[in-house]
């Protein structure tokens, strides 16, 4: 994922938590914040140490990144989205991860067109 599409700074994460909206299911939590001054989506991923070792956490982040890239063309622009993985994600497959992420985005009406 290109640098301009990532959220890396702690202040940007905190702004999404403090000023954004959130929604969750058993596997994932998303925080999203509309930013009028940008014309693209930015994504931040967070996988806590309680979920597993570095190998497990990196696998989860990789699956989330690929799932998001698949869904990206259908998501409304101008948003900062922070995705936080919960414990059940360590046993999830790619298909399950993508389904869980698309469920959250659908529920919060972040898709361009209703699916």
PDB file of N, CA and C in Angstrom:
ATOM      1  N   UNK A   1       0.841  -1.172   0.000  1.00  0.00           N
ATOM      2  CA  UNK A   1       0.000   0.000   0.000  1.00  0.00           C
ATOM      3  C   UNK A   1       0.893   1.246   0.000  1.00  0.00           C
ATOM      4  N   UNK A   2       0.594   2.195  -0.848  1.00  0.00           N
ATOM      5  CA  UNK A   2       1.425   3.388  -0.976  1.00  0.00           C
ATOM      6  C   UNK A   2       1.341   4.252   0.278  1.00  0.00           C
ATOM      7  N   UNK A   3       2.416   5.016   0.489  1.00  0.00           N
ATOM      8  CA  UNK A   3       2.537   5.827   1.693  1.00  0.00           C
ATOM      9  C   UNK A   3       1.382   6.810   1.877  1.00  0.00           C
ATOM     10  N   UNK A   4       0.915   7.407   0.788  1.00  0.00           N
ATOM     11  CA  UNK A   4      -0.158   8.397   0.893  1.00  0.00           C
ATOM     12  C   UNK A   4      -1.485   7.787   1.315  1.00  0.00           C
ATOM     13  N   UNK A   5      -1.615   6.464   1.235  1.00  0.00           N
ATOM     14  CA  UNK A   5      -2.858   5.795   1.611  1.00  0.00           C
ATOM     15  C   UNK A   5      -2.797   5.152   2.996  1.00  0.00           C
ATOM     16  N   UNK A   6      -1.722   5.420   3.747  1.00  0.00           N
ATOM     17  CA  UNK A   6      -1.561   4.820   5.068  1.00  0.00           C
ATOM     18  C   UNK A   6      -1.659   5.859   6.172  1.00  0.00           C
ATOM     19  N   UNK A   7      -2.131   5.422   7.309  1.00  0.00           N
ATOM     20  CA  UNK A   7      -2.096   6.234   8.525  1.00  0.00           C
ATOM     21  C   UNK A   7      -1.001   5.623   9.386  1.00  0.00           C
ATOM     22  N   UNK A   8       0.017   6.408   9.704  1.00  0.00           N
ATOM     23  CA  UNK A   8       1.144   5.886  10.470  1.00  0.00           C
ATOM     24  C   UNK A   8       1.367   6.629  11.788  1.00  0.00           C
ATOM     25  N   UNK A   9       1.058   7.919  11.816  1.00  0.00           N
ATOM     26  CA  UNK A   9       1.358   8.724  12.998  1.00  0.00           C
ATOM     27  C   UNK A   9       0.333   8.511  14.093  1.00  0.00           C
ATOM     28  N   UNK A  10       0.820   8.516  15.330  1.00  0.00           N
ATOM     29  CA  UNK A  10      -0.036   8.322  16.487  1.00  0.00           C
ATOM     30  C   UNK A  10      -1.127   9.392  16.561  1.00  0.00           C
ATOM     31  N   UNK A  11      -0.778  10.644  16.203  1.00  0.00           N
ATOM     32  CA  UNK A  11      -1.771  11.731  16.257  1.00  0.00           C
ATOM     33  C   UNK A  11      -2.940  11.458  15.309  1.00  0.00           C
ATOM     34  N   UNK A  12      -2.642  10.863  14.149  1.00  0.00           N
ATOM     35  CA  UNK A  12      -3.698  10.568  13.176  1.00  0.00           C
ATOM     36  C   UNK A  12      -4.611   9.452  13.682  1.00  0.00           C
ATOM     37  N   UNK A  13      -4.011   8.444  14.333  1.00  0.00           N
ATOM     38  CA  UNK A  13      -4.816   7.386  14.946  1.00  0.00           C
ATOM     39  C   UNK A  13      -5.707   7.986  16.044  1.00  0.00           C
ATOM     40  N   UNK A  14      -5.112   8.811  16.898  1.00  0.00           N
ATOM     41  CA  UNK A  14      -5.858   9.397  18.006  1.00  0.00           C
ATOM     42  C   UNK A  14      -6.990  10.295  17.517  1.00  0.00           C
ATOM     43  N   UNK A  15      -6.762  11.017  16.425  1.00  0.00           N
ATOM     44  CA  UNK A  15      -7.816  11.870  15.852  1.00  0.00           C
ATOM     45  C   UNK A  15      -8.989  11.017  15.374  1.00  0.00           C
ATOM     46  N   UNK A  16      -8.690   9.873  14.765  1.00  0.00           N
ATOM     47  CA  UNK A  16      -9.765   8.977  14.314  1.00  0.00           C
ATOM     48  C   UNK A  16     -10.534   8.427  15.509  1.00  0.00           C
ATOM     49  N   UNK A  17      -9.815   8.086  16.586  1.00  0.00           N
ATOM     50  CA  UNK A  17     -10.484   7.555  17.777  1.00  0.00           C
ATOM     51  C   UNK A  17     -11.338   8.621  18.452  1.00  0.00           C
ATOM     52  N   UNK A  18     -10.801   9.820  18.548  1.00  0.00           N
ATOM     53  CA  UNK A  18     -11.459  10.885  19.301  1.00  0.00           C
ATOM     54  C   UNK A  18     -12.593  11.548  18.524  1.00  0.00           C
ATOM     55  N   UNK A  19     -12.371  11.823  17.247  1.00  0.00           N
ATOM     56  CA  UNK A  19     -13.347  12.593  16.468  1.00  0.00           C
ATOM     57  C   UNK A  19     -14.135  11.757  15.463  1.00  0.00           C
ATOM     58  N   UNK A  20     -13.783  10.496  15.315  1.00  0.00           N
ATOM     59  CA  UNK A  20     -14.446   9.655  14.331  1.00  0.00           C
ATOM     60  C   UNK A  20     -15.578   8.840  14.918  1.00  0.00           C
ATOM     61  N   UNK A  21     -16.239   8.101  14.052  1.00  0.00           N
ATOM     62  CA  UNK A  21     -17.291   7.172  14.463  1.00  0.00           C
ATOM     63  C   UNK A  21     -16.706   5.769  14.508  1.00  0.00           C
ATOM     64  N   UNK A  22     -17.354   4.885  15.253  1.00  0.00           N
ATOM     65  CA  UNK A  22     -16.846   3.515  15.321  1.00  0.00           C
ATOM     66  C   UNK A  22     -17.980   2.513  15.198  1.00  0.00           C
ATOM     67  N   UNK A  23     -17.607   1.330  14.779  1.00  0.00           N
ATOM     68  CA  UNK A  23     -18.549   0.223  14.676  1.00  0.00           C
ATOM     69  C   UNK A  23     -17.744  -1.060  14.815  1.00  0.00           C
ATOM     70  N   UNK A  24     -18.341  -2.089  15.371  1.00  0.00           N
ATOM     71  CA  UNK A  24     -17.584  -3.314  15.631  1.00  0.00           C
ATOM     72  C   UNK A  24     -18.438  -4.548  15.415  1.00  0.00           C
ATOM     73  N   UNK A  25     -17.764  -5.647  15.115  1.00  0.00           N
ATOM     74  CA  UNK A  25     -18.368  -6.967  15.189  1.00  0.00           C
ATOM     75  C   UNK A  25     -17.431  -7.821  16.052  1.00  0.00           C
ATOM     76  N   UNK A  26     -17.607  -9.115  16.092  1.00  0.00           N
ATOM     77  CA  UNK A  26     -16.794  -9.947  16.982  1.00  0.00           C
ATOM     78  C   UNK A  26     -15.325  -9.993  16.587  1.00  0.00           C
ATOM     79  N   UNK A  27     -15.037  -9.784  15.298  1.00  0.00           N
ATOM     80  CA  UNK A  27     -13.668  -9.929  14.818  1.00  0.00           C
ATOM     81  C   UNK A  27     -12.914  -8.613  14.689  1.00  0.00           C
ATOM     82  N   UNK A  28     -13.594  -7.542  14.273  1.00  0.00           N
ATOM     83  CA  UNK A  28     -12.935  -6.285  13.943  1.00  0.00           C
ATOM     84  C   UNK A  28     -13.664  -5.086  14.526  1.00  0.00           C
ATOM     85  N   UNK A  29     -12.916  -4.004  14.711  1.00  0.00           N
ATOM     86  CA  UNK A  29     -13.476  -2.705  15.084  1.00  0.00           C
ATOM     87  C   UNK A  29     -12.986  -1.719  14.031  1.00  0.00           C
ATOM     88  N   UNK A  30     -13.868  -0.863  13.521  1.00  0.00           N
ATOM     89  CA  UNK A  30     -13.404   0.191  12.618  1.00  0.00           C
ATOM     90  C   UNK A  30     -13.757   1.550  13.215  1.00  0.00           C
ATOM     91  N   UNK A  31     -12.832   2.463  13.062  1.00  0.00           N
ATOM     92  CA  UNK A  31     -13.051   3.869  13.351  1.00  0.00           C
ATOM     93  C   UNK A  31     -12.902   4.580  12.021  1.00  0.00           C
ATOM     94  N   UNK A  32     -13.804   5.476  11.715  1.00  0.00           N
ATOM     95  CA  UNK A  32     -13.704   6.189  10.457  1.00  0.00           C
ATOM     96  C   UNK A  32     -14.034   7.654  10.677  1.00  0.00           C
ATOM     97  N   UNK A  33     -13.369   8.477   9.890  1.00  0.00           N
ATOM     98  CA  UNK A  33     -13.521   9.921  10.018  1.00  0.00           C
ATOM     99  C   UNK A  33     -13.485  10.534   8.634  1.00  0.00           C
ATOM    100  N   UNK A  34     -14.474  11.338   8.332  1.00  0.00           N
ATOM    101  CA  UNK A  34     -14.522  12.001   7.024  1.00  0.00           C
ATOM    102  C   UNK A  34     -13.545  13.167   7.024  1.00  0.00           C
ATOM    103  N   UNK A  35     -12.751  13.250   5.948  1.00  0.00           N
ATOM    104  CA  UNK A  35     -11.795  14.341   5.781  1.00  0.00           C
ATOM    105  C   UNK A  35     -12.036  14.980   4.426  1.00  0.00           C
ATOM    106  N   UNK A  36     -12.620  16.156   4.439  1.00  0.00           N
ATOM    107  CA  UNK A  36     -12.993  16.848   3.207  1.00  0.00           C
ATOM    108  C   UNK A  36     -11.780  17.272   2.386  1.00  0.00           C
ATOM    109  N   UNK A  37     -10.653  17.507   3.027  1.00  0.00           N
ATOM    110  CA  UNK A  37      -9.491  18.042   2.330  1.00  0.00           C
ATOM    111  C   UNK A  37      -8.659  16.988   1.598  1.00  0.00           C
ATOM    112  N   UNK A  38      -9.045  15.730   1.664  1.00  0.00           N
ATOM    113  CA  UNK A  38      -8.317  14.695   0.918  1.00  0.00           C
ATOM    114  C   UNK A  38      -9.266  13.991  -0.046  1.00  0.00           C
ATOM    115  N   UNK A  39      -8.716  13.524  -1.169  1.00  0.00           N
ATOM    116  CA  UNK A  39      -9.551  12.931  -2.212  1.00  0.00           C
ATOM    117  C   UNK A  39      -9.391  11.421  -2.314  1.00  0.00           C
ATOM    118  N   UNK A  40      -8.813  10.803  -1.291  1.00  0.00           N
ATOM    119  CA  UNK A  40      -8.618   9.361  -1.310  1.00  0.00           C
ATOM    120  C   UNK A  40      -8.821   8.785   0.097  1.00  0.00           C
ATOM    121  N   UNK A  41      -8.837   7.483   0.186  1.00  0.00           N
ATOM    122  CA  UNK A  41      -9.002   6.787   1.456  1.00  0.00           C
ATOM    123  C   UNK A  41      -7.625   6.559   2.061  1.00  0.00           C
ATOM    124  N   UNK A  42      -7.530   6.692   3.378  1.00  0.00           N
ATOM    125  CA  UNK A  42      -6.314   6.289   4.082  1.00  0.00           C
ATOM    126  C   UNK A  42      -6.701   5.235   5.105  1.00  0.00           C
ATOM    127  N   UNK A  43      -5.825   4.274   5.311  1.00  0.00           N
ATOM    128  CA  UNK A  43      -6.130   3.167   6.211  1.00  0.00           C
ATOM    129  C   UNK A  43      -5.012   3.001   7.233  1.00  0.00           C
ATOM    130  N   UNK A  44      -5.413   2.702   8.454  1.00  0.00           N
ATOM    131  CA  UNK A  44      -4.476   2.377   9.522  1.00  0.00           C
ATOM    132  C   UNK A  44      -4.875   1.039  10.116  1.00  0.00           C
ATOM    133  N   UNK A  45      -3.896   0.191  10.388  1.00  0.00           N
ATOM    134  CA  UNK A  45      -4.163  -1.133  10.942  1.00  0.00           C
ATOM    135  C   UNK A  45      -3.555  -1.228  12.328  1.00  0.00           C
ATOM    136  N   UNK A  46      -4.271  -1.883  13.237  1.00  0.00           N
ATOM    137  CA  UNK A  46      -3.771  -2.080  14.586  1.00  0.00           C
ATOM    138  C   UNK A  46      -4.089  -3.512  15.025  1.00  0.00           C
ATOM    139  N   UNK A  47      -3.031  -4.235  15.387  1.00  0.00           N
ATOM    140  CA  UNK A  47      -3.182  -5.591  15.904  1.00  0.00           C
ATOM    141  C   UNK A  47      -2.379  -5.655  17.188  1.00  0.00           C
ATOM    142  N   UNK A  48      -3.062  -5.818  18.311  1.00  0.00           N
ATOM    143  CA  UNK A  48      -2.405  -5.795  19.618  1.00  0.00           C
ATOM    144  C   UNK A  48      -1.578  -7.028  19.915  1.00  0.00           C
ATOM    145  N   UNK A  49      -0.664  -6.869  20.861  1.00  0.00           N
ATOM    146  CA  UNK A  49       0.231  -7.967  21.233  1.00  0.00           C
ATOM    147  C   UNK A  49      -0.492  -9.126  21.914  1.00  0.00           C
ATOM    148  N   UNK A  50      -1.678  -8.860  22.459  1.00  0.00           N
ATOM    149  CA  UNK A  50      -2.442  -9.932  23.116  1.00  0.00           C
ATOM    150  C   UNK A  50      -2.926 -10.985  22.124  1.00  0.00           C
ATOM    151  N   UNK A  51      -2.984 -10.616  20.850  1.00  0.00           N
ATOM    152  CA  UNK A  51      -3.514 -11.529  19.832  1.00  0.00           C
ATOM    153  C   UNK A  51      -2.525 -12.636  19.496  1.00  0.00           C
ATOM    154  N   UNK A  52      -1.241 -12.338  19.526  1.00  0.00           N
ATOM    155  CA  UNK A  52      -0.259 -13.368  19.212  1.00  0.00           C
ATOM    156  C   UNK A  52       1.118 -12.788  19.011  1.00  0.00           C
ATOM    157  N   UNK A  53       2.038 -13.646  18.589  1.00  0.00           N
ATOM    158  CA  UNK A  53       3.397 -13.175  18.349  1.00  0.00           C
ATOM    159  C   UNK A  53       3.465 -12.401  17.031  1.00  0.00           C
ATOM    160  N   UNK A  54       4.653 -11.942  16.674  1.00  0.00           N
ATOM    161  CA  UNK A  54       4.828 -11.085  15.497  1.00  0.00           C
ATOM    162  C   UNK A  54       4.378 -11.777  14.213  1.00  0.00           C
ATOM    163  N   UNK A  55       4.615 -13.070  14.110  1.00  0.00           N
ATOM    164  CA  UNK A  55       4.230 -13.815  12.905  1.00  0.00           C
ATOM    165  C   UNK A  55       2.716 -13.784  12.727  1.00  0.00           C
ATOM    166  N   UNK A  56       1.992 -14.029  13.799  1.00  0.00           N
ATOM    167  CA  UNK A  56       0.522 -14.040  13.757  1.00  0.00           C
ATOM    168  C   UNK A  56      -0.008 -12.640  13.456  1.00  0.00           C
ATOM    169  N   UNK A  57       0.537 -11.628  14.132  1.00  0.00           N
ATOM    170  CA  UNK A  57       0.072 -10.249  13.918  1.00  0.00           C
ATOM    171  C   UNK A  57       0.328  -9.786  12.488  1.00  0.00           C
ATOM    172  N   UNK A  58       1.495 -10.106  11.946  1.00  0.00           N
ATOM    173  CA  UNK A  58       1.812  -9.714  10.568  1.00  0.00           C
ATOM    174  C   UNK A  58       0.914 -10.425   9.564  1.00  0.00           C
ATOM    175  N   UNK A  59       0.569 -11.681   9.831  1.00  0.00           N
ATOM    176  CA  UNK A  59      -0.348 -12.423   8.961  1.00  0.00           C
ATOM    177  C   UNK A  59      -1.718 -11.753   8.945  1.00  0.00           C
ATOM    178  N   UNK A  60      -2.199 -11.353  10.111  1.00  0.00           N
ATOM    179  CA  UNK A  60      -3.497 -10.679  10.206  1.00  0.00           C
ATOM    180  C   UNK A  60      -3.467  -9.361   9.441  1.00  0.00           C
ATOM    181  N   UNK A  61      -2.400  -8.583   9.614  1.00  0.00           N
ATOM    182  CA  UNK A  61      -2.284  -7.305   8.903  1.00  0.00           C
ATOM    183  C   UNK A  61      -2.225  -7.511   7.393  1.00  0.00           C
ATOM    184  N   UNK A  62      -1.527  -8.537   6.972  1.00  0.00           N
ATOM    185  CA  UNK A  62      -1.437  -8.837   5.536  1.00  0.00           C
ATOM    186  C   UNK A  62      -2.810  -9.187   4.975  1.00  0.00           C
ATOM    187  N   UNK A  63      -3.559 -10.025   5.687  1.00  0.00           N
ATOM    188  CA  UNK A  63      -4.902 -10.397   5.242  1.00  0.00           C
ATOM    189  C   UNK A  63      -5.836  -9.183   5.211  1.00  0.00           C
ATOM    190  N   UNK A  64      -5.726  -8.321   6.217  1.00  0.00           N
ATOM    191  CA  UNK A  64      -6.559  -7.121   6.250  1.00  0.00           C
ATOM    192  C   UNK A  64      -6.223  -6.192   5.085  1.00  0.00           C
ATOM    193  N   UNK A  65      -4.933  -6.027   4.808  1.00  0.00           N
ATOM    194  CA  UNK A  65      -4.499  -5.166   3.700  1.00  0.00           C
ATOM    195  C   UNK A  65      -5.042  -5.666   2.369  1.00  0.00           C
ATOM    196  N   UNK A  66      -4.919  -6.969   2.130  1.00  0.00           N
ATOM    197  CA  UNK A  66      -5.399  -7.543   0.868  1.00  0.00           C
ATOM    198  C   UNK A  66      -6.916  -7.439   0.781  1.00  0.00           C
ATOM    199  N   UNK A  67      -7.609  -7.716   1.868  1.00  0.00           N
ATOM    200  CA  UNK A  67      -9.069  -7.605   1.891  1.00  0.00           C
ATOM    201  C   UNK A  67      -9.501  -6.175   1.589  1.00  0.00           C
ATOM    202  N   UNK A  68      -8.814  -5.221   2.193  1.00  0.00           N
ATOM    203  CA  UNK A  68      -9.159  -3.818   1.972  1.00  0.00           C
ATOM    204  C   UNK A  68      -8.897  -3.406   0.528  1.00  0.00           C
ATOM    205  N   UNK A  69      -7.798  -3.867  -0.045  1.00  0.00           N
ATOM    206  CA  UNK A  69      -7.484  -3.534  -1.432  1.00  0.00           C
ATOM    207  C   UNK A  69      -8.532  -4.083  -2.394  1.00  0.00           C
ATOM    208  N   UNK A  70      -9.077  -5.245  -2.074  1.00  0.00           N
ATOM    209  CA  UNK A  70     -10.145  -5.819  -2.901  1.00  0.00           C
ATOM    210  C   UNK A  70     -11.409  -4.958  -2.844  1.00  0.00           C
ATOM    211  N   UNK A  71     -11.703  -4.409  -1.666  1.00  0.00           N
ATOM    212  CA  UNK A  71     -12.935  -3.649  -1.462  1.00  0.00           C
ATOM    213  C   UNK A  71     -12.773  -2.155  -1.742  1.00  0.00           C
ATOM    214  N   UNK A  72     -11.540  -1.700  -1.886  1.00  0.00           N
ATOM    215  CA  UNK A  72     -11.231  -0.271  -1.960  1.00  0.00           C
ATOM    216  C   UNK A  72     -11.976   0.475  -3.061  1.00  0.00           C
ATOM    217  N   UNK A  73     -12.129  -0.141  -4.223  1.00  0.00           N
ATOM    218  CA  UNK A  73     -12.775   0.537  -5.352  1.00  0.00           C
ATOM    219  C   UNK A  73     -14.250   0.824  -5.079  1.00  0.00           C
ATOM    220  N   UNK A  74     -14.859   0.122  -4.131  1.00  0.00           N
ATOM    221  CA  UNK A  74     -16.275   0.309  -3.816  1.00  0.00           C
ATOM    222  C   UNK A  74     -16.512   1.222  -2.613  1.00  0.00           C
ATOM    223  N   UNK A  75     -15.435   1.692  -1.976  1.00  0.00           N
ATOM    224  CA  UNK A  75     -15.565   2.501  -0.760  1.00  0.00           C
ATOM    225  C   UNK A  75     -15.558   3.980  -1.120  1.00  0.00           C
ATOM    226  N   UNK A  76     -16.374   4.748  -0.416  1.00  0.00           N
ATOM    227  CA  UNK A  76     -16.431   6.192  -0.631  1.00  0.00           C
ATOM    228  C   UNK A  76     -15.061   6.809  -0.330  1.00  0.00           C
ATOM    229  N   UNK A  77     -14.640   7.799  -1.132  1.00  0.00           N
ATOM    230  CA  UNK A  77     -13.361   8.468  -0.858  1.00  0.00           C
ATOM    231  C   UNK A  77     -13.482   9.449   0.307  1.00  0.00           C
ATOM    232  N   UNK A  78     -12.401  10.106   0.639  1.00  0.00           N
ATOM    233  CA  UNK A  78     -12.361  11.160   1.669  1.00  0.00           C
ATOM    234  C   UNK A  78     -12.498  10.643   3.099  1.00  0.00           C
ATOM    235  N   UNK A  79     -12.093   9.427   3.355  1.00  0.00           N
ATOM    236  CA  UNK A  79     -12.189   8.897   4.708  1.00  0.00           C
ATOM    237  C   UNK A  79     -10.835   8.415   5.212  1.00  0.00           C
ATOM    238  N   UNK A  80     -10.630   8.583   6.515  1.00  0.00           N
ATOM    239  CA  UNK A  80      -9.556   7.904   7.228  1.00  0.00           C
ATOM    240  C   UNK A  80     -10.221   6.747   7.956  1.00  0.00           C
ATOM    241  N   UNK A  81      -9.709   5.541   7.748  1.00  0.00           N
ATOM    242  CA  UNK A  81     -10.304   4.353   8.369  1.00  0.00           C
ATOM    243  C   UNK A  81      -9.228   3.636   9.163  1.00  0.00           C
ATOM    244  N   UNK A  82      -9.506   3.378  10.445  1.00  0.00           N
ATOM    245  CA  UNK A  82      -8.606   2.616  11.300  1.00  0.00           C
ATOM    246  C   UNK A  82      -9.290   1.291  11.609  1.00  0.00           C
ATOM    247  N   UNK A  83      -8.582   0.201  11.344  1.00  0.00           N
ATOM    248  CA  UNK A  83      -9.127  -1.130  11.577  1.00  0.00           C
ATOM    249  C   UNK A  83      -8.346  -1.765  12.721  1.00  0.00           C
ATOM    250  N   UNK A  84      -9.061  -2.211  13.741  1.00  0.00           N
ATOM    251  CA  UNK A  84      -8.446  -2.863  14.887  1.00  0.00           C
ATOM    252  C   UNK A  84      -8.905  -4.318  14.908  1.00  0.00           C
ATOM    253  N   UNK A  85      -7.932  -5.226  14.951  1.00  0.00           N
ATOM    254  CA  UNK A  85      -8.238  -6.652  14.954  1.00  0.00           C
ATOM    255  C   UNK A  85      -8.495  -7.124  16.388  1.00  0.00           C
ATOM    256  N   UNK A  86      -9.468  -7.988  16.530  1.00  0.00           N
ATOM    257  CA  UNK A  86      -9.748  -8.614  17.820  1.00  0.00           C
ATOM    258  C   UNK A  86      -9.235 -10.054  17.805  1.00  0.00           C
ATOM    259  N   UNK A  87      -9.308 -10.716  18.941  1.00  0.00           N
ATOM    260  CA  UNK A  87      -8.723 -12.047  19.113  1.00  0.00           C
ATOM    261  C   UNK A  87      -9.172 -13.113  18.099  1.00  0.00           C
ATOM    262  N   UNK A  88     -10.452 -13.190  17.712  1.00  0.00           N
ATOM    263  CA  UNK A  88     -10.858 -14.241  16.760  1.00  0.00           C
ATOM    264  C   UNK A  88     -10.181 -14.165  15.393  1.00  0.00           C
ATOM    265  N   UNK A  89      -9.567 -13.032  15.059  1.00  0.00           N
ATOM    266  CA  UNK A  89      -8.957 -12.890  13.733  1.00  0.00           C
ATOM    267  C   UNK A  89      -7.765 -13.810  13.537  1.00  0.00           C
ATOM    268  N   UNK A  90      -7.163 -14.298  14.616  1.00  0.00           N
ATOM    269  CA  UNK A  90      -5.957 -15.122  14.446  1.00  0.00           C
ATOM    270  C   UNK A  90      -6.246 -16.472  13.800  1.00  0.00           C
ATOM    271  N   UNK A  91      -7.490 -16.901  13.806  1.00  0.00           N
ATOM    272  CA  UNK A  91      -7.827 -18.179  13.172  1.00  0.00           C
ATOM    273  C   UNK A  91      -8.634 -18.006  11.887  1.00  0.00           C
ATOM    274  N   UNK A  92      -8.803 -16.763  11.444  1.00  0.00           N
ATOM    275  CA  UNK A  92      -9.650 -16.506  10.283  1.00  0.00           C
ATOM    276  C   UNK A  92      -8.897 -16.684   8.972  1.00  0.00           C
ATOM    277  N   UNK A  93      -9.644 -17.123   7.961  1.00  0.00           N
ATOM    278  CA  UNK A  93      -9.089 -17.223   6.608  1.00  0.00           C
ATOM    279  C   UNK A  93      -9.284 -15.889   5.899  1.00  0.00           C
ATOM    280  N   UNK A  94      -8.727 -15.790   4.706  1.00  0.00           N
ATOM    281  CA  UNK A  94      -8.856 -14.570   3.911  1.00  0.00           C
ATOM    282  C   UNK A  94     -10.320 -14.263   3.605  1.00  0.00           C
ATOM    283  N   UNK A  95     -11.080 -15.273   3.204  1.00  0.00           N
ATOM    284  CA  UNK A  95     -12.480 -15.069   2.846  1.00  0.00           C
ATOM    285  C   UNK A  95     -13.286 -14.564   4.042  1.00  0.00           C
ATOM    286  N   UNK A  96     -13.029 -15.140   5.206  1.00  0.00           N
ATOM    287  CA  UNK A  96     -13.733 -14.726   6.418  1.00  0.00           C
ATOM    288  C   UNK A  96     -13.371 -13.284   6.791  1.00  0.00           C
ATOM    289  N   UNK A  97     -12.084 -12.944   6.632  1.00  0.00           N
ATOM    290  CA  UNK A  97     -11.613 -11.599   6.957  1.00  0.00           C
ATOM    291  C   UNK A  97     -12.280 -10.573   6.039  1.00  0.00           C
ATOM    292  N   UNK A  98     -12.322 -10.883   4.749  1.00  0.00           N
ATOM    293  CA  UNK A  98     -12.923  -9.976   3.770  1.00  0.00           C
ATOM    294  C   UNK A  98     -14.423  -9.815   4.048  1.00  0.00           C
ATOM    295  N   UNK A  99     -15.086 -10.899   4.390  1.00  0.00           N
ATOM    296  CA  UNK A  99     -16.517 -10.853   4.682  1.00  0.00           C
ATOM    297  C   UNK A  99     -16.792 -10.011   5.933  1.00  0.00           C
ATOM    298  N   UNK A 100     -15.969 -10.169   6.952  1.00  0.00           N
ATOM    299  CA  UNK A 100     -16.128  -9.405   8.179  1.00  0.00           C
ATOM    300  C   UNK A 100     -15.903  -7.912   7.941  1.00  0.00           C
ATOM    301  N   UNK A 101     -14.869  -7.589   7.181  1.00  0.00           N
ATOM    302  CA  UNK A 101     -14.568  -6.191   6.872  1.00  0.00           C
ATOM    303  C   UNK A 101     -15.666  -5.566   6.017  1.00  0.00           C
ATOM    304  N   UNK A 102     -16.136  -6.284   5.013  1.00  0.00           N
ATOM    305  CA  UNK A 102     -17.187  -5.731   4.151  1.00  0.00           C
ATOM    306  C   UNK A 102     -18.493  -5.568   4.935  1.00  0.00           C
ATOM    307  N   UNK A 103     -18.752  -6.433   5.916  1.00  0.00           N
ATOM    308  CA  UNK A 103     -19.928  -6.302   6.770  1.00  0.00           C
ATOM    309  C   UNK A 103     -19.890  -4.987   7.535  1.00  0.00           C
ATOM    310  N   UNK A 104     -18.739  -4.669   8.119  1.00  0.00           N
ATOM    311  CA  UNK A 104     -18.609  -3.423   8.871  1.00  0.00           C
ATOM    312  C   UNK A 104     -18.779  -2.206   7.963  1.00  0.00           C
ATOM    313  N   UNK A 105     -18.133  -2.241   6.812  1.00  0.00           N
ATOM    314  CA  UNK A 105     -18.223  -1.112   5.880  1.00  0.00           C
ATOM    315  C   UNK A 105     -19.650  -0.931   5.362  1.00  0.00           C
ATOM    316  N   UNK A 106     -20.341  -2.037   5.117  1.00  0.00           N
ATOM    317  CA  UNK A 106     -21.729  -1.985   4.654  1.00  0.00           C
ATOM    318  C   UNK A 106     -22.630  -1.396   5.738  1.00  0.00           C
ATOM    319  N   UNK A 107     -22.469  -1.867   6.966  1.00  0.00           N
ATOM    320  CA  UNK A 107     -23.312  -1.398   8.067  1.00  0.00           C
ATOM    321  C   UNK A 107     -23.155   0.093   8.317  1.00  0.00           C
ATOM    322  N   UNK A 108     -21.963   0.601   8.102  1.00  0.00           N
ATOM    323  CA  UNK A 108     -21.713   2.024   8.328  1.00  0.00           C
ATOM    324  C   UNK A 108     -21.881   2.865   7.058  1.00  0.00           C
ATOM    325  N   UNK A 109     -22.422   2.264   6.013  1.00  0.00           N
ATOM    326  CA  UNK A 109     -22.721   2.947   4.742  1.00  0.00           C
ATOM    327  C   UNK A 109     -21.503   3.639   4.162  1.00  0.00           C
ATOM    328  N   UNK A 110     -20.367   2.951   4.168  1.00  0.00           N
ATOM    329  CA  UNK A 110     -19.133   3.481   3.590  1.00  0.00           C
ATOM    330  C   UNK A 110     -18.917   3.019   2.151  1.00  0.00           C
ATOM    331  N   UNK A 111     -19.799   2.168   1.648  1.00  0.00           N
ATOM    332  CA  UNK A 111     -19.715   1.764   0.251  1.00  0.00           C
ATOM    333  C   UNK A 111     -20.370   2.828  -0.627  1.00  0.00           C
ATOM    334  N   UNK A 112     -19.858   2.989  -1.846  1.00  0.00           N
ATOM    335  CA  UNK A 112     -20.415   3.968  -2.788  1.00  0.00           C
ATOM    336  C   UNK A 112     -21.851   3.617  -3.154  1.00  0.00           C
ATOM    337  N   UNK A 113     -22.067   2.342  -3.444  1.00  0.00           N
ATOM    338  CA  UNK A 113     -23.398   1.856  -3.805  1.00  0.00           C
ATOM    339  C   UNK A 113     -23.763   0.730  -2.855  1.00  0.00           C
ATOM    340  N   UNK A 114     -25.012   0.577  -2.559  1.00  0.00           N
ATOM    341  CA  UNK A 114     -25.441  -0.512  -1.676  1.00  0.00           C
ATOM    342  C   UNK A 114     -25.149  -1.844  -2.334  1.00  0.00           C
ATOM    343  N   UNK A 115     -24.607  -2.756  -1.559  1.00  0.00           N
ATOM    344  CA  UNK A 115     -24.286  -4.093  -2.082  1.00  0.00           C
ATOM    345  C   UNK A 115     -25.425  -5.039  -1.829  1.00  0.00           C
TER     346      UNK A 115
END
